[in-house]
Amino acid sequence: MEGELLLKLLMNVGAPVGICFYTLYGVNNTLKEQDKTFKELAKVMDIFTKEIERRDFEHAHKIERLEEQVRELSFKINGYQRKE
């Protein structure tokens, strides 16, 4: 009788507990992989952000040079028109 009760107790409690631990183990491993993936993604995003900032700086510098050249050309055109 006690053997049956112990067996029922193991089946009713032990099996679900085993399933829960197995599920927690799987979730833990998945979270570790996701954490690793997120860290790699963060590194890539840092590289991408630095590249965008570098290009923004280059474009701003190019725009400044173009604006300066436009001013020079405008000055030359205005000077040429005044001579005529």
Protein backbone atom coordinates (compact mmCIF):
# COMPACT_ATOMS: atom_id res chain seq x y z
CA MET A 1 0.00 0.00 0.00
CA GLU A 2 2.78 2.42 0.90
CA GLY A 3 4.65 1.48 -2.29
CA GLU A 4 1.57 2.35 -4.33
CA LEU A 5 1.17 5.66 -2.53
CA LEU A 6 4.83 6.48 -3.08
CA LEU A 7 4.54 5.54 -6.75
CA LYS A 8 1.42 7.72 -7.18
CA LEU A 9 3.15 10.56 -5.38
CA LEU A 10 6.19 10.28 -7.68
CA MET A 11 3.97 10.16 -10.76
CA ASN A 12 1.79 13.07 -9.66
CA VAL A 13 4.57 15.29 -8.34
CA GLY A 14 7.88 13.92 -9.62
CA ALA A 15 7.05 13.88 -13.33
CA PRO A 16 5.78 17.50 -13.44
CA VAL A 17 8.77 18.65 -11.39
CA GLY A 18 11.10 16.87 -13.82
CA ILE A 19 9.34 18.48 -16.78
CA CYS A 20 9.59 21.89 -15.11
CA PHE A 21 13.32 21.51 -14.48
CA TYR A 22 13.90 20.32 -18.04
CA THR A 23 11.94 23.32 -19.37
CA LEU A 24 13.87 25.73 -17.14
CA TYR A 25 17.14 24.24 -18.33
CA GLY A 26 16.11 24.73 -21.96
CA VAL A 27 14.94 28.29 -21.35
CA ASN A 28 18.18 29.11 -19.54
CA ASN A 29 20.26 27.85 -22.47
CA THR A 30 18.13 29.81 -24.93
CA LEU A 31 18.52 32.98 -22.88
CA LYS A 32 22.29 32.53 -22.80
CA GLU A 33 22.33 32.25 -26.61
CA GLN A 34 20.09 35.31 -26.94
CA ASP A 35 22.35 37.28 -24.59
CA LYS A 36 25.35 36.37 -26.73
CA THR A 37 23.45 37.39 -29.88
CA PHE A 38 22.40 40.72 -28.34
CA LYS A 39 26.00 41.47 -27.36
CA GLU A 40 27.16 40.78 -30.91
CA LEU A 41 24.33 42.96 -32.23
CA ALA A 42 25.38 45.77 -29.88
CA LYS A 43 28.94 45.58 -31.23
CA VAL A 44 27.69 45.77 -34.81
CA MET A 45 25.42 48.69 -33.95
CA ASP A 46 28.38 50.54 -32.38
CA ILE A 47 30.42 50.03 -35.54
CA PHE A 48 27.47 51.15 -37.67
CA THR A 49 26.89 54.24 -35.53
CA LYS A 50 30.57 55.22 -35.71
CA GLU A 51 30.50 54.83 -39.49
CA ILE A 52 27.42 57.03 -39.76
CA GLU A 53 29.03 59.68 -37.54
CA ARG A 54 32.20 59.57 -39.66
CA ARG A 55 30.20 60.01 -42.86
CA ASP A 56 28.18 62.83 -41.32
CA PHE A 57 31.42 64.63 -40.48
CA GLU A 58 32.75 64.10 -43.99
CA HIS A 59 29.52 65.30 -45.57
CA ALA A 60 29.38 68.36 -43.34
CA HIS A 61 32.95 69.20 -44.36
CA LYS A 62 32.10 68.71 -48.05
CA ILE A 63 29.02 70.91 -47.71
CA GLU A 64 31.11 73.65 -46.10
CA ARG A 65 33.61 73.50 -48.97
CA LEU A 66 30.80 73.60 -51.54
CA GLU A 67 29.19 76.58 -49.84
CA GLU A 68 32.55 78.36 -49.84
CA GLN A 69 33.03 77.64 -53.53
CA VAL A 70 29.51 78.89 -54.32
CA ARG A 71 30.27 82.11 -52.43
CA GLU A 72 33.51 82.51 -54.38
CA LEU A 73 31.75 81.91 -57.69
CA SER A 74 28.97 84.31 -56.76
CA PHE A 75 31.56 86.93 -55.88
CA LYS A 76 33.38 86.36 -59.20
CA ILE A 77 30.12 86.50 -61.18
CA ASN A 78 29.00 89.65 -59.40
CA GLY A 79 32.43 91.22 -59.96
CA TYR A 80 32.35 90.29 -63.64
CA GLN A 81 28.87 91.71 -64.08
CA ARG A 82 29.93 94.99 -62.48
CA LYS A 83 32.82 95.38 -64.93
CA GLU A 84 30.47 95.24 -67.92
